C-alpha atoms as a PDB file:
ATOM      1  CA  UNK A   1      15.758  33.737   3.984  1.00  0.00           C
ATOM      2  CA  UNK A   2      16.943  30.154   3.936  1.00  0.00           C
ATOM      3  CA  UNK A   3      17.070  28.144   7.159  1.00  0.00           C
ATOM      4  CA  UNK A   4      20.463  28.392   8.871  1.00  0.00           C
ATOM      5  CA  UNK A   5      20.555  24.826  10.218  1.00  0.00           C
ATOM      6  CA  UNK A   6      19.177  22.865   7.281  1.00  0.00           C
ATOM      7  CA  UNK A   7      19.465  19.110   8.046  1.00  0.00           C
ATOM      8  CA  UNK A   8      19.022  18.229   4.373  1.00  0.00           C
ATOM      9  CA  UNK A   9      22.132  17.566   2.327  1.00  0.00           C
ATOM     10  CA  UNK A  10      23.227  19.998  -0.346  1.00  0.00           C
ATOM     11  CA  UNK A  11      22.057  17.786  -3.236  1.00  0.00           C
ATOM     12  CA  UNK A  12      18.636  17.204  -1.622  1.00  0.00           C
ATOM     13  CA  UNK A  13      18.269  20.915  -0.860  1.00  0.00           C
ATOM     14  CA  UNK A  14      18.906  21.681  -4.526  1.00  0.00           C
ATOM     15  CA  UNK A  15      16.347  19.033  -5.567  1.00  0.00           C
ATOM     16  CA  UNK A  16      13.668  20.575  -3.340  1.00  0.00           C
ATOM     17  CA  UNK A  17      14.341  24.158  -4.393  1.00  0.00           C
ATOM     18  CA  UNK A  18      14.626  23.426  -8.107  1.00  0.00           C
ATOM     19  CA  UNK A  19      11.528  21.188  -8.224  1.00  0.00           C
ATOM     20  CA  UNK A  20       9.338  23.624  -6.273  1.00  0.00           C
ATOM     21  CA  UNK A  21      10.879  26.901  -7.434  1.00  0.00           C
ATOM     22  CA  UNK A  22      11.031  28.091  -3.797  1.00  0.00           C
ATOM     23  CA  UNK A  23      13.674  28.415  -1.078  1.00  0.00           C
ATOM     24  CA  UNK A  24      13.670  26.258   2.060  1.00  0.00           C
ATOM     25  CA  UNK A  25      12.749  28.123   5.236  1.00  0.00           C
ATOM     26  CA  UNK A  26      12.456  25.337   7.823  1.00  0.00           C
ATOM     27  CA  UNK A  27      12.711  21.562   8.098  1.00  0.00           C
ATOM     28  CA  UNK A  28      11.195  19.204  10.688  1.00  0.00           C
ATOM     29  CA  UNK A  29      11.078  15.417  10.955  1.00  0.00           C
ATOM     30  CA  UNK A  30       7.857  13.468  10.393  1.00  0.00           C
ATOM     31  CA  UNK A  31       7.480  10.379  12.568  1.00  0.00           C
ATOM     32  CA  UNK A  32       6.765   6.883  11.279  1.00  0.00           C
ATOM     33  CA  UNK A  33       6.929   5.238   7.885  1.00  0.00           C
ATOM     34  CA  UNK A  34       9.560   3.246   6.057  1.00  0.00           C
ATOM     35  CA  UNK A  35      11.453   6.303   4.789  1.00  0.00           C
ATOM     36  CA  UNK A  36      13.125   9.236   6.524  1.00  0.00           C
ATOM     37  CA  UNK A  37      10.418  11.859   6.034  1.00  0.00           C
ATOM     38  CA  UNK A  38      10.713  15.621   6.556  1.00  0.00           C
ATOM     39  CA  UNK A  39       8.155  18.404   6.403  1.00  0.00           C
ATOM     40  CA  UNK A  40       9.654  21.431   4.700  1.00  0.00           C
ATOM     41  CA  UNK A  41       8.279  24.982   4.798  1.00  0.00           C
ATOM     42  CA  UNK A  42       9.074  26.977   1.658  1.00  0.00           C
ATOM     43  CA  UNK A  43       9.635  30.686   1.180  1.00  0.00           C
ATOM     44  CA  UNK A  44       6.031  31.319   0.070  1.00  0.00           C
ATOM     45  CA  UNK A  45       4.645  29.554   3.141  1.00  0.00           C
ATOM     46  CA  UNK A  46       3.640  26.336   1.381  1.00  0.00           C
ATOM     47  CA  UNK A  47       4.754  22.991   2.758  1.00  0.00           C
ATOM     48  CA  UNK A  48       6.084  19.861   1.094  1.00  0.00           C
ATOM     49  CA  UNK A  49       7.059  16.411   2.284  1.00  0.00           C
ATOM     50  CA  UNK A  50      10.569  15.223   1.489  1.00  0.00           C
ATOM     51  CA  UNK A  51      11.200  11.498   1.816  1.00  0.00           C
ATOM     52  CA  UNK A  52      14.717  10.083   1.920  1.00  0.00           C
ATOM     53  CA  UNK A  53      15.660   6.382   1.809  1.00  0.00           C
ATOM     54  CA  UNK A  54      16.589   4.956   5.194  1.00  0.00           C
ATOM     55  CA  UNK A  55      19.058   2.501   3.669  1.00  0.00           C
ATOM     56  CA  UNK A  56      20.649   1.571   0.361  1.00  0.00           C
ATOM     57  CA  UNK A  57      17.758  -0.763  -0.536  1.00  0.00           C
ATOM     58  CA  UNK A  58      15.195   2.043  -0.591  1.00  0.00           C
ATOM     59  CA  UNK A  59      14.143   3.360  -3.995  1.00  0.00           C
ATOM     60  CA  UNK A  60      11.675   6.200  -3.727  1.00  0.00           C
ATOM     61  CA  UNK A  61      11.455   6.445  -7.517  1.00  0.00           C
ATOM     62  CA  UNK A  62       9.026   3.525  -7.392  1.00  0.00           C
ATOM     63  CA  UNK A  63       6.655   5.363  -5.053  1.00  0.00           C
ATOM     64  CA  UNK A  64       6.930   8.451  -7.224  1.00  0.00           C
ATOM     65  CA  UNK A  65       6.135   6.459 -10.349  1.00  0.00           C
ATOM     66  CA  UNK A  66       3.000   5.015  -8.750  1.00  0.00           C
ATOM     67  CA  UNK A  67       1.827   8.456  -7.634  1.00  0.00           C
ATOM     68  CA  UNK A  68       2.391   9.804 -11.135  1.00  0.00           C
ATOM     69  CA  UNK A  69       0.465   6.879 -12.645  1.00  0.00           C
ATOM     70  CA  UNK A  70      -2.507   7.534 -10.362  1.00  0.00           C
ATOM     71  CA  UNK A  71      -2.442  11.259 -11.213  1.00  0.00           C
ATOM     72  CA  UNK A  72      -2.404  10.603 -14.945  1.00  0.00           C
ATOM     73  CA  UNK A  73      -4.798   7.684 -15.240  1.00  0.00           C
ATOM     74  CA  UNK A  74      -7.277   7.927 -12.349  1.00  0.00           C
ATOM     75  CA  UNK A  75      -9.430  10.317 -10.344  1.00  0.00           C
ATOM     76  CA  UNK A  76      -8.065   9.090  -7.023  1.00  0.00           C
ATOM     77  CA  UNK A  77      -6.895  12.125  -5.018  1.00  0.00           C
ATOM     78  CA  UNK A  78      -3.142  11.929  -4.369  1.00  0.00           C
ATOM     79  CA  UNK A  79      -0.617  14.590  -3.327  1.00  0.00           C
ATOM     80  CA  UNK A  80       0.934  16.707  -6.074  1.00  0.00           C
ATOM     81  CA  UNK A  81       4.308  15.261  -7.009  1.00  0.00           C
ATOM     82  CA  UNK A  82       7.284  17.603  -7.491  1.00  0.00           C
ATOM     83  CA  UNK A  83      10.187  15.187  -7.796  1.00  0.00           C
ATOM     84  CA  UNK A  84      10.910  11.466  -7.527  1.00  0.00           C
ATOM     85  CA  UNK A  85      14.139   9.539  -7.835  1.00  0.00           C
ATOM     86  CA  UNK A  86      16.089   6.894  -5.943  1.00  0.00           C
ATOM     87  CA  UNK A  87      17.601   9.654  -3.791  1.00  0.00           C
ATOM     88  CA  UNK A  88      14.463  11.571  -2.754  1.00  0.00           C
ATOM     89  CA  UNK A  89      10.731  12.050  -3.152  1.00  0.00           C
ATOM     90  CA  UNK A  90       9.147  15.503  -2.920  1.00  0.00           C
ATOM     91  CA  UNK A  91       5.388  15.924  -2.819  1.00  0.00           C
ATOM     92  CA  UNK A  92       2.664  18.208  -1.522  1.00  0.00           C
ATOM     93  CA  UNK A  93       2.035  18.200   2.224  1.00  0.00           C
ATOM     94  CA  UNK A  94      -1.599  17.310   2.899  1.00  0.00           C
ATOM     95  CA  UNK A  95      -3.197  19.131   5.812  1.00  0.00           C
ATOM     96  CA  UNK A  96      -5.199  16.492   7.649  1.00  0.00           C
ATOM     97  CA  UNK A  97      -6.815  16.334  11.067  1.00  0.00           C
ATOM     98  CA  UNK A  98      -7.380  12.607  11.000  1.00  0.00           C
ATOM     99  CA  UNK A  99      -7.295   9.413   9.028  1.00  0.00           C
ATOM    100  CA  UNK A 100      -9.957   7.094   7.671  1.00  0.00           C
ATOM    101  CA  UNK A 101     -13.002   6.884   9.952  1.00  0.00           C
ATOM    102  CA  UNK A 102     -16.710   6.154   9.858  1.00  0.00           C
ATOM    103  CA  UNK A 103     -17.569   9.653   8.569  1.00  0.00           C
ATOM    104  CA  UNK A 104     -15.240   9.331   5.588  1.00  0.00           C
ATOM    105  CA  UNK A 105     -15.728   5.634   4.822  1.00  0.00           C
ATOM    106  CA  UNK A 106     -18.597   6.100   2.316  1.00  0.00           C
ATOM    107  CA  UNK A 107     -16.452   8.540   0.344  1.00  0.00           C
ATOM    108  CA  UNK A 108     -13.527   6.114   0.489  1.00  0.00           C
ATOM    109  CA  UNK A 109     -15.772   3.366  -0.853  1.00  0.00           C
ATOM    110  CA  UNK A 110     -16.774   5.572  -3.789  1.00  0.00           C
ATOM    111  CA  UNK A 111     -13.163   6.471  -4.591  1.00  0.00           C
ATOM    112  CA  UNK A 112     -12.020   2.850  -4.489  1.00  0.00           C
ATOM    113  CA  UNK A 113     -14.998   1.565  -6.463  1.00  0.00           C
ATOM    114  CA  UNK A 114     -14.139   4.095  -9.187  1.00  0.00           C
ATOM    115  CA  UNK A 115     -10.497   3.020  -9.074  1.00  0.00           C
ATOM    116  CA  UNK A 116     -11.462  -0.632  -9.387  1.00  0.00           C
ATOM    117  CA  UNK A 117     -13.505   0.147 -12.494  1.00  0.00           C
ATOM    118  CA  UNK A 118     -10.163   0.694 -14.274  1.00  0.00           C
ATOM    119  CA  UNK A 119      -9.208  -2.671 -15.745  1.00  0.00           C
ATOM    120  CA  UNK A 120      -6.440  -4.384 -17.684  1.00  0.00           C
ATOM    121  CA  UNK A 121      -5.934  -7.494 -19.788  1.00  0.00           C
ATOM    122  CA  UNK A 122      -3.590  -9.046 -17.220  1.00  0.00           C
ATOM    123  CA  UNK A 123      -2.966  -9.227 -13.500  1.00  0.00           C
ATOM    124  CA  UNK A 124       0.216  -7.560 -12.263  1.00  0.00           C
ATOM    125  CA  UNK A 125       1.886  -4.398 -13.496  1.00  0.00           C
ATOM    126  CA  UNK A 126       4.656  -3.082 -15.740  1.00  0.00           C
ATOM    127  CA  UNK A 127       7.092  -2.956 -12.810  1.00  0.00           C
ATOM    128  CA  UNK A 128       7.404  -4.187  -9.252  1.00  0.00           C
ATOM    129  CA  UNK A 129       6.063  -1.935  -6.513  1.00  0.00           C
ATOM    130  CA  UNK A 130       6.678  -1.699  -2.759  1.00  0.00           C
ATOM    131  CA  UNK A 131       4.491  -2.516   0.222  1.00  0.00           C
ATOM    132  CA  UNK A 132       5.789  -1.689   3.654  1.00  0.00           C
ATOM    133  CA  UNK A 133       9.169  -1.034   2.071  1.00  0.00           C
ATOM    134  CA  UNK A 134       9.281  -4.618   0.738  1.00  0.00           C
ATOM    135  CA  UNK A 135       9.418  -5.352  -2.985  1.00  0.00           C
ATOM    136  CA  UNK A 136       6.091  -6.583  -4.348  1.00  0.00           C
ATOM    137  CA  UNK A 137       6.634  -8.624  -7.560  1.00  0.00           C
ATOM    138  CA  UNK A 138       4.146  -7.884 -10.332  1.00  0.00           C
ATOM    139  CA  UNK A 139       5.054 -10.316 -13.128  1.00  0.00           C
ATOM    140  CA  UNK A 140       1.979 -10.334 -15.358  1.00  0.00           C
ATOM    141  CA  UNK A 141      -0.408 -13.267 -15.467  1.00  0.00           C
ATOM    142  CA  UNK A 142      -3.636 -14.015 -17.310  1.00  0.00           C
ATOM    143  CA  UNK A 143      -5.059 -15.673 -14.183  1.00  0.00           C
ATOM    144  CA  UNK A 144      -5.452 -14.256 -10.694  1.00  0.00           C
ATOM    145  CA  UNK A 145      -5.153 -17.428  -8.587  1.00  0.00           C
ATOM    146  CA  UNK A 146      -1.632 -18.343  -9.786  1.00  0.00           C
ATOM    147  CA  UNK A 147      -0.630 -14.673  -9.569  1.00  0.00           C
ATOM    148  CA  UNK A 148      -1.770 -14.497  -5.951  1.00  0.00           C
ATOM    149  CA  UNK A 149      -0.240 -17.863  -5.075  1.00  0.00           C
ATOM    150  CA  UNK A 150       3.203 -17.154  -6.531  1.00  0.00           C
ATOM    151  CA  UNK A 151       3.612 -13.360  -6.287  1.00  0.00           C
ATOM    152  CA  UNK A 152       1.853 -12.748  -3.002  1.00  0.00           C
ATOM    153  CA  UNK A 153       1.403 -15.799  -0.758  1.00  0.00           C
ATOM    154  CA  UNK A 154       4.542 -17.842  -1.512  1.00  0.00           C
ATOM    155  CA  UNK A 155       6.722 -14.825  -2.214  1.00  0.00           C
ATOM    156  CA  UNK A 156       5.985 -13.163   1.128  1.00  0.00           C
ATOM    157  CA  UNK A 157       6.223 -16.480   2.971  1.00  0.00           C
ATOM    158  CA  UNK A 158       9.743 -16.912   1.567  1.00  0.00           C
ATOM    159  CA  UNK A 159      10.579 -13.369   2.621  1.00  0.00           C
ATOM    160  CA  UNK A 160       9.381 -14.123   6.149  1.00  0.00           C
ATOM    161  CA  UNK A 161      11.317 -17.408   6.176  1.00  0.00           C
ATOM    162  CA  UNK A 162      14.534 -15.724   5.037  1.00  0.00           C
ATOM    163  CA  UNK A 163      14.136 -13.118   7.779  1.00  0.00           C
ATOM    164  CA  UNK A 164      14.345 -15.938  10.324  1.00  0.00           C
ATOM    165  CA  UNK A 165      10.920 -15.091  11.765  1.00  0.00           C
ATOM    166  CA  UNK A 166       8.815 -17.773  10.039  1.00  0.00           C
ATOM    167  CA  UNK A 167       9.360 -21.346  11.287  1.00  0.00           C
ATOM    168  CA  UNK A 168      10.321 -23.920   8.644  1.00  0.00           C
ATOM    169  CA  UNK A 169       7.396 -26.124   9.701  1.00  0.00           C
ATOM    170  CA  UNK A 170       4.919 -23.311   9.068  1.00  0.00           C
ATOM    171  CA  UNK A 171       6.531 -22.602   5.695  1.00  0.00           C
ATOM    172  CA  UNK A 172       5.930 -26.244   4.758  1.00  0.00           C
ATOM    173  CA  UNK A 173       2.263 -25.885   5.692  1.00  0.00           C
ATOM    174  CA  UNK A 174       1.964 -22.745   3.573  1.00  0.00           C
ATOM    175  CA  UNK A 175       3.546 -24.542   0.614  1.00  0.00           C
ATOM    176  CA  UNK A 176       1.048 -27.398   0.930  1.00  0.00           C
ATOM    177  CA  UNK A 177      -1.801 -24.915   1.150  1.00  0.00           C
ATOM    178  CA  UNK A 178      -0.475 -23.083  -1.936  1.00  0.00           C
ATOM    179  CA  UNK A 179      -0.945 -26.264  -3.960  1.00  0.00           C
ATOM    180  CA  UNK A 180      -4.695 -26.096  -3.207  1.00  0.00           C
ATOM    181  CA  UNK A 181      -5.514 -22.391  -3.475  1.00  0.00           C
ATOM    182  CA  UNK A 182      -7.565 -22.947  -6.622  1.00  0.00           C
ATOM    183  CA  UNK A 183      -9.995 -24.977  -4.484  1.00  0.00           C
ATOM    184  CA  UNK A 184     -10.805 -21.911  -2.369  1.00  0.00           C
ATOM    185  CA  UNK A 185     -10.212 -18.909  -4.636  1.00  0.00           C
ATOM    186  CA  UNK A 186     -12.043 -17.911  -7.809  1.00  0.00           C
ATOM    187  CA  UNK A 187     -11.172 -15.748 -10.778  1.00  0.00           C
ATOM    188  CA  UNK A 188     -12.536 -12.160 -10.682  1.00  0.00           C
ATOM    189  CA  UNK A 189     -14.279 -10.971 -13.868  1.00  0.00           C
ATOM    190  CA  UNK A 190     -11.423  -8.599 -14.762  1.00  0.00           C
ATOM    191  CA  UNK A 191      -8.131  -7.390 -13.288  1.00  0.00           C
ATOM    192  CA  UNK A 192      -8.851  -4.157 -11.375  1.00  0.00           C
ATOM    193  CA  UNK A 193      -6.434  -1.345 -10.587  1.00  0.00           C
ATOM    194  CA  UNK A 194      -5.647  -1.442  -6.856  1.00  0.00           C
ATOM    195  CA  UNK A 195      -4.161   1.205  -4.601  1.00  0.00           C
ATOM    196  CA  UNK A 196      -2.490  -1.744  -2.909  1.00  0.00           C
ATOM    197  CA  UNK A 197      -2.076  -0.515   0.671  1.00  0.00           C
ATOM    198  CA  UNK A 198      -5.377   0.702   2.095  1.00  0.00           C
ATOM    199  CA  UNK A 199      -5.172   1.300   5.830  1.00  0.00           C
ATOM    200  CA  UNK A 200      -6.451   4.031   8.126  1.00  0.00           C
ATOM    201  CA  UNK A 201      -3.059   5.762   7.943  1.00  0.00           C
ATOM    202  CA  UNK A 202      -2.892   5.843   4.130  1.00  0.00           C
ATOM    203  CA  UNK A 203      -6.186   7.719   3.699  1.00  0.00           C
ATOM    204  CA  UNK A 204      -5.791  11.322   4.894  1.00  0.00           C
ATOM    205  CA  UNK A 205      -8.889  13.255   5.933  1.00  0.00           C
ATOM    206  CA  UNK A 206      -9.788  16.785   6.988  1.00  0.00           C
ATOM    207  CA  UNK A 207     -13.086  17.642   8.690  1.00  0.00           C
ATOM    208  CA  UNK A 208     -14.392  14.172   7.816  1.00  0.00           C
ATOM    209  CA  UNK A 209     -13.612  14.477   4.094  1.00  0.00           C
ATOM    210  CA  UNK A 210     -10.912  12.587   2.242  1.00  0.00           C
ATOM    211  CA  UNK A 211      -8.048  14.783   1.082  1.00  0.00           C
ATOM    212  CA  UNK A 212      -5.636  12.217  -0.378  1.00  0.00           C
ATOM    213  CA  UNK A 213      -4.587   8.595  -0.619  1.00  0.00           C
ATOM    214  CA  UNK A 214      -0.872   8.108   0.085  1.00  0.00           C
ATOM    215  CA  UNK A 215       1.757   5.328  -0.047  1.00  0.00           C
ATOM    216  CA  UNK A 216       0.345   3.532  -3.114  1.00  0.00           C
ATOM    217  CA  UNK A 217       1.532   0.032  -4.047  1.00  0.00           C
ATOM    218  CA  UNK A 218      -0.434  -0.249  -7.275  1.00  0.00           C
ATOM    219  CA  UNK A 219      -1.021  -3.196  -9.603  1.00  0.00           C
ATOM    220  CA  UNK A 220      -3.953  -4.914 -11.290  1.00  0.00           C
ATOM    221  CA  UNK A 221      -5.524  -7.628  -9.148  1.00  0.00           C
ATOM    222  CA  UNK A 222      -8.684  -8.981  -7.595  1.00  0.00           C
ATOM    223  CA  UNK A 223     -10.511  -5.891  -6.268  1.00  0.00           C
ATOM    224  CA  UNK A 224     -11.350  -7.827  -3.097  1.00  0.00           C
ATOM    225  CA  UNK A 225      -7.633  -8.075  -2.362  1.00  0.00           C
ATOM    226  CA  UNK A 226      -7.649  -4.300  -1.790  1.00  0.00           C
ATOM    227  CA  UNK A 227      -9.120  -4.965   1.638  1.00  0.00           C
ATOM    228  CA  UNK A 228      -6.588  -7.439   3.035  1.00  0.00           C
ATOM    229  CA  UNK A 229      -5.658  -5.117   5.893  1.00  0.00           C
ATOM    230  CA  UNK A 230      -9.289  -5.086   7.037  1.00  0.00           C
ATOM    231  CA  UNK A 231      -8.595  -8.262   8.987  1.00  0.00           C
ATOM    232  CA  UNK A 232      -5.357  -6.852  10.357  1.00  0.00           C
ATOM    233  CA  UNK A 233      -6.504  -3.480  11.656  1.00  0.00           C
ATOM    234  CA  UNK A 234      -9.756  -1.731  12.445  1.00  0.00           C
ATOM    235  CA  UNK A 235      -9.358   0.272   9.245  1.00  0.00           C
ATOM    236  CA  UNK A 236     -12.660  -0.441   7.570  1.00  0.00           C
ATOM    237  CA  UNK A 237     -16.030  -0.955   9.236  1.00  0.00           C
ATOM    238  CA  UNK A 238     -19.404  -2.232   8.068  1.00  0.00           C
ATOM    239  CA  UNK A 239     -20.188   1.315   6.897  1.00  0.00           C
ATOM    240  CA  UNK A 240     -17.449   1.055   4.273  1.00  0.00           C
ATOM    241  CA  UNK A 241     -18.275  -2.476   3.146  1.00  0.00           C
ATOM    242  CA  UNK A 242     -21.993  -1.750   2.843  1.00  0.00           C
ATOM    243  CA  UNK A 243     -21.343   1.291   0.649  1.00  0.00           C
ATOM    244  CA  UNK A 244     -18.756  -0.472  -1.504  1.00  0.00           C
ATOM    245  CA  UNK A 245     -21.093  -3.449  -1.909  1.00  0.00           C
ATOM    246  CA  UNK A 246     -23.778  -1.112  -3.261  1.00  0.00           C
ATOM    247  CA  UNK A 247     -21.392   0.081  -5.950  1.00  0.00           C
ATOM    248  CA  UNK A 248     -19.459  -3.121  -6.672  1.00  0.00           C
ATOM    249  CA  UNK A 249     -21.086  -6.180  -5.072  1.00  0.00           C
ATOM    250  CA  UNK A 250     -18.713  -8.618  -3.415  1.00  0.00           C
ATOM    251  CA  UNK A 251     -18.627 -12.071  -4.943  1.00  0.00           C
ATOM    252  CA  UNK A 252     -20.062 -14.907  -2.891  1.00  0.00           C
ATOM    253  CA  UNK A 253     -17.574 -16.322  -0.421  1.00  0.00           C
ATOM    254  CA  UNK A 254     -15.424 -13.258   0.221  1.00  0.00           C
ATOM    255  CA  UNK A 255     -16.391 -12.676   3.840  1.00  0.00           C
ATOM    256  CA  UNK A 256     -16.826 -16.392   4.510  1.00  0.00           C
ATOM    257  CA  UNK A 257     -13.326 -17.555   3.524  1.00  0.00           C
ATOM    258  CA  UNK A 258     -11.454 -15.567   0.839  1.00  0.00           C
ATOM    259  CA  UNK A 259     -10.809 -12.652   3.163  1.00  0.00           C
ATOM    260  CA  UNK A 260      -9.096 -14.978   5.649  1.00  0.00           C
ATOM    261  CA  UNK A 261      -6.889 -16.420   2.913  1.00  0.00           C
ATOM    262  CA  UNK A 262      -6.000 -12.997   1.547  1.00  0.00           C
ATOM    263  CA  UNK A 263      -5.103 -11.765   5.032  1.00  0.00           C
ATOM    264  CA  UNK A 264      -2.217 -14.243   5.074  1.00  0.00           C
ATOM    265  CA  UNK A 265      -0.305 -11.793   2.889  1.00  0.00           C
ATOM    266  CA  UNK A 266      -0.204  -8.786   5.270  1.00  0.00           C
ATOM    267  CA  UNK A 267       0.321 -11.130   8.220  1.00  0.00           C
ATOM    268  CA  UNK A 268       3.374 -12.665   6.530  1.00  0.00           C
ATOM    269  CA  UNK A 269       4.619  -9.158   5.730  1.00  0.00           C
ATOM    270  CA  UNK A 270       4.371  -8.285   9.408  1.00  0.00           C
ATOM    271  CA  UNK A 271       6.224 -11.476  10.331  1.00  0.00           C
ATOM    272  CA  UNK A 272       9.042 -10.496   7.975  1.00  0.00           C
ATOM    273  CA  UNK A 273       9.242  -6.955   9.305  1.00  0.00           C
ATOM    274  CA  UNK A 274       8.388  -7.293  12.994  1.00  0.00           C
ATOM    275  CA  UNK A 275       8.749 -10.887  14.149  1.00  0.00           C
ATOM    276  CA  UNK A 276       6.445 -13.597  15.457  1.00  0.00           C
ATOM    277  CA  UNK A 277       3.404 -11.599  16.577  1.00  0.00           C
ATOM    278  CA  UNK A 278       1.150 -12.895  13.768  1.00  0.00           C
ATOM    279  CA  UNK A 279       2.243 -16.546  13.812  1.00  0.00           C
ATOM    280  CA  UNK A 280      -0.729 -17.626  15.924  1.00  0.00           C
ATOM    281  CA  UNK A 281      -3.179 -16.051  13.505  1.00  0.00           C
ATOM    282  CA  UNK A 282      -1.430 -17.571  10.486  1.00  0.00           C
ATOM    283  CA  UNK A 283      -1.630 -20.944  12.229  1.00  0.00           C
ATOM    284  CA  UNK A 284      -5.377 -20.429  12.787  1.00  0.00           C
ATOM    285  CA  UNK A 285      -6.018 -19.696   9.086  1.00  0.00           C
ATOM    286  CA  UNK A 286      -3.998 -22.696   7.916  1.00  0.00           C
ATOM    287  CA  UNK A 287      -5.690 -24.964  10.469  1.00  0.00           C
ATOM    288  CA  UNK A 288      -9.124 -23.735   9.404  1.00  0.00           C
ATOM    289  CA  UNK A 289      -8.448 -25.046   5.899  1.00  0.00           C
ATOM    290  CA  UNK A 290      -6.916 -28.296   7.092  1.00  0.00           C
ATOM    291  CA  UNK A 291      -3.201 -27.490   6.732  1.00  0.00           C
END
């Protein structure tokens, strides 16, 4: 029997039922995230997640396309995708009792090292992706340093400036620093396929084992850039980095200075989305390099 008080619209209900081949029994709201997410129980007892855009700028087709790419071209575990379009995203609900932790970090390192073994002739991707609900430009480039400088550092700084949360004076410092990034960054051997948004909440685990990686923001980049959130959250510990380093050794200078530079990107994203909380840390990075 279908649920009597179904909060989903008629068109979305039809999308869910046609894509899964089952009737909707119940619907509940999932907290958090940049989309309106529901957990839906189907007539055979299985569960799916239904994401709906929170505003007109949301396009869940992009997230669906990245999930489909990972399913087709990689061994990274991701939820089964039933439907994706600008109006909705329907995928398997992953039963998890926790997120990324010390017990699961070695397995995460193996998954990401395997992902990073997938390479391309250029940095970027065939289309722009989303990180934190913000467009992430992926115009292709033969070189990583200009790609990072233009499509990550300066792009997100402009986004933060336009939001009104980044002071003009700090934007000027970032622009001066951007003119010198080639003095501090090097070119990785090859562009590597990145998940693009590794945090504790995007790696779902059950009984200490990884079940799925969610919320991908894929593109080909410096594999070290995969870990930019490591300086923002306690997502990855020494256990992870030691295991990853066994499989894909970090280039000299990553922990000493490149990680700090790369962390400017998620900090600027947070400034755009949430305000001034990271301005002091951005100031510290710029000051460290003389800007």
